[in-house]
Amino acid sequence: MTSGTRPRRRRLEPAERRAEILAAARHLFGAGSYASVSTSDIAEAAGVARPLINHYFGGKRELYLEVVRQLMIVPAPVTEALPDTTMEQRLAIGVERWIDVVDRNRDAWLTVIGPEAAGRDPEIERIMLEADEIAADRVLEAALMTGVTEGREELRAMIRSFGGLLRAASREWLIRGTLDRAALRTFLTDSILNLLKLTYPAVLAERRGTGGRTPPASSRSSA
């Protein structure tokens, strides 16, 4: 194949073709910005005709929103098939897997959490809210706390707030370089453990008027 020749298009199943377009879009949006990337750029990078982008996604904006959704929503594999062990070990594994996901998509991740994406866009805000709810589900699953009922809404609110810390910490790692990967892992793991084992029981104690700190009975912690 001579220089400048486009790669021959391969026949793929619709799901595979859609995934290829998404991968190309993630790369290009990560390398540039929403405004600087065109559907023609994405089509060329994915090796497809431009009308296929409209066919699968409806247009550039819908494709961008799907990229944001993919990156912001904690993927199921982060907490799937965790070992039957302690809360601490399960959360540490989940955090490590999440860091892997961000590391593999670092440019696109920084784009979708940057100021352009964080503007007052109602659709992106809706994706962020959805992502926070799913993240709360994933954390409770990893921590063996899906059955918690007392103070559940407060607990979920605190876990959703932890999502903001995740995003800020990832910038410290990827942009400022003030945290290396090991420090990031320790910081995030200890932060979520303290939230679940200290802060949440303290909130329950305040509600009960006891002032004590007792770990939730449904968690299988080694502490």
Protein backbone atom coordinates (compact mmCIF):
# COMPACT_ATOMS: atom_id res chain seq x y z
CA MET A 1 0.00 0.00 0.00
CA THR A 2 1.57 3.27 -1.11
CA SER A 3 1.89 6.32 1.12
CA GLY A 4 -1.34 8.29 1.34
CA THR A 5 -3.48 5.34 0.27
CA ARG A 6 -6.47 4.77 2.53
CA PRO A 7 -6.66 1.38 4.22
CA ARG A 8 -9.04 -1.04 2.54
CA ARG A 9 -12.33 -1.22 4.39
CA ARG A 10 -12.98 -4.54 6.10
CA ARG A 11 -16.35 -6.17 6.30
CA LEU A 12 -17.38 -6.18 9.95
CA GLU A 13 -20.47 -6.96 11.94
CA PRO A 14 -22.46 -3.82 12.91
CA ALA A 15 -21.36 -4.01 16.57
CA GLU A 16 -17.71 -4.29 15.54
CA ARG A 17 -17.99 -1.42 13.08
CA ARG A 18 -19.68 0.73 15.71
CA ALA A 19 -16.90 -0.08 18.17
CA GLU A 20 -14.26 0.90 15.59
CA ILE A 21 -15.93 4.26 15.02
CA LEU A 22 -16.10 4.86 18.78
CA ALA A 23 -12.42 3.97 19.19
CA ALA A 24 -11.45 6.39 16.42
CA ALA A 25 -13.62 9.11 17.94
CA ARG A 26 -12.10 8.59 21.41
CA HIS A 27 -8.62 8.96 19.96
CA LEU A 28 -9.40 12.06 17.92
CA PHE A 29 -11.41 13.86 20.59
CA GLY A 30 -8.61 13.07 23.03
CA ALA A 31 -5.96 14.45 20.70
CA GLY A 32 -7.99 17.57 19.90
CA SER A 33 -11.35 18.87 21.00
CA TYR A 34 -14.99 18.59 20.03
CA ALA A 35 -14.75 21.69 17.85
CA SER A 36 -11.54 20.67 16.10
CA VAL A 37 -12.69 17.17 15.05
CA SER A 38 -15.02 16.65 12.11
CA THR A 39 -17.09 13.66 11.13
CA SER A 40 -14.85 13.36 8.05
CA ASP A 41 -11.82 13.07 10.34
CA ILE A 42 -13.51 10.32 12.34
CA ALA A 43 -14.68 8.47 9.24
CA GLU A 44 -11.19 8.52 7.76
CA ALA A 45 -9.59 7.34 11.00
CA ALA A 46 -12.14 4.54 11.33
CA GLY A 47 -11.85 3.57 7.67
CA VAL A 48 -15.57 4.04 6.99
CA ALA A 49 -17.74 6.21 4.78
CA ARG A 50 -18.97 9.33 6.56
CA PRO A 51 -22.68 8.40 6.22
CA LEU A 52 -22.01 5.38 8.46
CA ILE A 53 -21.38 7.73 11.38
CA ASN A 54 -24.84 9.18 10.93
CA HIS A 55 -26.23 5.68 10.50
CA TYR A 56 -24.81 4.37 13.78
CA PHE A 57 -24.86 7.51 15.92
CA GLY A 58 -26.97 10.19 14.25
CA GLY A 59 -24.15 12.72 13.92
CA LYS A 60 -21.03 14.16 15.50
CA ARG A 61 -22.70 15.41 18.67
CA GLU A 62 -24.40 12.11 19.41
CA LEU A 63 -21.12 10.31 18.80
CA TYR A 64 -19.32 12.67 21.17
CA LEU A 65 -21.95 12.12 23.86
CA GLU A 66 -21.51 8.36 23.49
CA VAL A 67 -17.74 8.79 23.94
CA VAL A 68 -18.39 10.82 27.09
CA ARG A 69 -20.81 8.17 28.37
CA GLN A 70 -18.35 5.33 27.73
CA LEU A 71 -15.56 7.09 29.58
CA MET A 72 -17.53 8.52 32.49
CA ILE A 73 -19.60 5.45 33.39
CA VAL A 74 -17.55 3.00 35.42
CA PRO A 75 -17.46 -0.11 33.22
CA ALA A 76 -18.90 -3.30 34.67
CA PRO A 77 -15.55 -5.20 34.43
CA VAL A 78 -14.13 -2.89 37.11
CA THR A 79 -16.20 -4.71 39.75
CA GLU A 80 -17.05 -7.97 37.97
CA ALA A 81 -15.59 -11.26 39.18
CA LEU A 82 -13.94 -9.74 42.25
CA PRO A 83 -12.51 -12.37 44.61
CA ASP A 84 -14.60 -13.51 47.58
CA THR A 85 -12.44 -11.71 50.10
CA THR A 86 -12.45 -8.60 52.29
CA MET A 87 -13.87 -5.20 51.50
CA GLU A 88 -10.37 -3.73 51.54
CA GLN A 89 -8.98 -6.14 48.97
CA ARG A 90 -12.00 -5.92 46.69
CA LEU A 91 -11.97 -2.12 46.68
CA ALA A 92 -8.21 -2.05 46.07
CA ILE A 93 -8.67 -4.29 43.02
CA GLY A 94 -11.56 -2.17 41.77
CA VAL A 95 -9.52 1.03 42.10
CA GLU A 96 -6.60 -0.57 40.26
CA ARG A 97 -8.90 -1.63 37.41
CA TRP A 98 -10.40 1.86 37.20
CA ILE A 99 -6.92 3.37 36.97
CA ASP A 100 -6.16 0.93 34.14
CA VAL A 101 -9.22 2.14 32.22
CA VAL A 102 -8.21 5.79 32.63
CA ASP A 103 -4.59 5.03 31.72
CA ARG A 104 -5.63 3.32 28.47
CA ASN A 105 -7.81 6.30 27.51
CA ARG A 106 -5.92 9.14 29.19
CA ASP A 107 -6.20 11.74 26.41
CA ALA A 108 -9.90 11.16 25.85
CA TRP A 109 -10.52 11.03 29.63
CA LEU A 110 -8.90 14.41 30.14
CA THR A 111 -10.95 15.83 27.28
CA VAL A 112 -14.29 14.68 28.70
CA ILE A 113 -13.54 15.92 32.23
CA GLY A 114 -12.04 19.19 30.98
CA PRO A 115 -13.65 22.64 30.98
CA GLU A 116 -15.19 22.26 27.50
CA ALA A 117 -17.13 19.14 28.53
CA ALA A 118 -17.90 20.52 31.98
CA GLY A 119 -19.81 23.50 30.60
CA ARG A 120 -23.49 23.91 31.24
CA ASP A 121 -24.49 21.29 28.70
CA PRO A 122 -27.65 19.58 29.97
CA GLU A 123 -26.99 16.35 28.09
CA ILE A 124 -23.47 16.02 29.44
CA GLU A 125 -24.71 16.86 32.92
CA ARG A 126 -27.31 14.10 32.55
CA ILE A 127 -24.55 11.65 31.60
CA MET A 128 -22.52 12.76 34.62
CA LEU A 129 -25.50 12.18 36.92
CA GLU A 130 -26.07 8.74 35.39
CA ALA A 131 -22.36 7.95 35.77
CA ASP A 132 -22.41 8.95 39.45
CA GLU A 133 -25.39 6.67 40.15
CA ILE A 134 -23.76 3.71 38.40
CA ALA A 135 -20.49 4.40 40.23
CA ALA A 136 -22.37 4.25 43.55
CA ASP A 137 -23.79 0.87 42.53
CA ARG A 138 -20.33 -0.40 41.59
CA VAL A 139 -18.74 0.76 44.85
CA LEU A 140 -21.48 -0.81 46.97
CA GLU A 141 -21.09 -4.05 45.03
CA ALA A 142 -17.32 -4.10 45.50
CA ALA A 143 -17.67 -3.25 49.20
CA LEU A 144 -20.26 -6.01 49.78
CA MET A 145 -22.75 -3.37 50.91
CA THR A 146 -25.54 -3.69 48.38
CA GLY A 147 -27.91 -4.72 51.15
CA VAL A 148 -27.40 -1.60 53.26
CA THR A 149 -30.70 0.14 54.00
CA GLU A 150 -30.11 2.50 56.94
CA GLY A 151 -28.76 5.82 55.72
CA ARG A 152 -28.65 4.46 52.18
CA GLU A 153 -29.38 7.77 50.47
CA GLU A 154 -26.73 9.58 52.52
CA LEU A 155 -24.26 6.79 51.73
CA ARG A 156 -24.97 7.00 48.01
CA ALA A 157 -24.64 10.79 48.15
CA MET A 158 -21.20 10.47 49.71
CA ILE A 159 -20.10 7.92 47.12
CA ARG A 160 -21.36 10.16 44.32
CA SER A 161 -19.32 13.00 45.81
CA PHE A 162 -16.30 10.69 45.80
CA GLY A 163 -16.60 10.75 42.01
CA GLY A 164 -15.52 14.39 42.02
CA LEU A 165 -12.44 13.42 44.01
CA LEU A 166 -11.65 10.70 41.45
CA ARG A 167 -11.71 13.20 38.62
CA ALA A 168 -9.60 15.76 40.49
CA ALA A 169 -7.06 13.12 41.55
CA SER A 170 -6.75 11.86 37.98
CA ARG A 171 -5.79 15.39 36.89
CA GLU A 172 -3.12 15.50 39.59
CA TRP A 173 -1.75 12.26 38.16
CA LEU A 174 -2.08 12.87 34.43
CA ILE A 175 -1.59 16.64 34.13
CA ARG A 176 0.35 17.94 37.11
CA GLY A 177 2.33 14.78 37.80
CA THR A 178 2.06 15.45 41.54
CA LEU A 179 0.79 11.91 42.16
CA ASP A 180 2.32 8.85 40.58
CA ARG A 181 0.21 5.80 39.88
CA ALA A 182 1.05 4.06 43.16
CA ALA A 183 0.26 7.16 45.22
CA LEU A 184 -2.99 7.64 43.32
CA ARG A 185 -4.02 4.04 44.00
CA THR A 186 -3.28 4.38 47.72
CA PHE A 187 -5.03 7.74 47.99
CA LEU A 188 -8.20 6.58 46.26
CA THR A 189 -8.38 3.23 48.03
CA ASP A 190 -7.83 4.73 51.47
CA SER A 191 -10.29 7.56 50.75
CA ILE A 192 -13.16 5.27 49.81
CA LEU A 193 -12.38 2.91 52.70
CA ASN A 194 -12.43 5.79 55.18
CA LEU A 195 -15.71 6.98 53.71
CA LEU A 196 -17.32 3.56 54.12
CA LYS A 197 -15.78 2.50 57.44
CA LEU A 198 -15.53 5.80 59.32
CA THR A 199 -17.56 8.60 57.74
CA TYR A 200 -20.69 6.59 56.95
CA PRO A 201 -20.89 5.05 60.45
CA ALA A 202 -20.38 8.53 61.92
CA VAL A 203 -23.33 9.82 59.88
CA LEU A 204 -25.44 6.92 61.15
CA ALA A 205 -24.38 7.69 64.71
CA GLU A 206 -25.41 11.31 64.28
CA ARG A 207 -28.82 10.18 63.08
CA ARG A 208 -29.18 7.84 66.04
CA GLY A 209 -27.89 10.44 68.46
CA THR A 210 -25.26 8.04 69.81
CA GLY A 211 -22.13 9.78 68.60
CA GLY A 212 -20.39 6.41 68.16
CA ARG A 213 -18.76 4.90 65.10
CA THR A 214 -19.86 1.38 64.29
CA PRO A 215 -19.15 -0.27 60.93
CA PRO A 216 -22.22 -1.31 58.91
CA ALA A 217 -23.26 -4.83 59.80
CA SER A 218 -23.66 -5.92 56.17
CA SER A 219 -20.02 -5.28 55.22
CA ARG A 220 -17.54 -8.15 55.30
CA SER A 221 -14.49 -6.16 56.35
CA SER A 222 -11.32 -7.49 57.88
CA ALA A 223 -11.28 -4.59 60.32
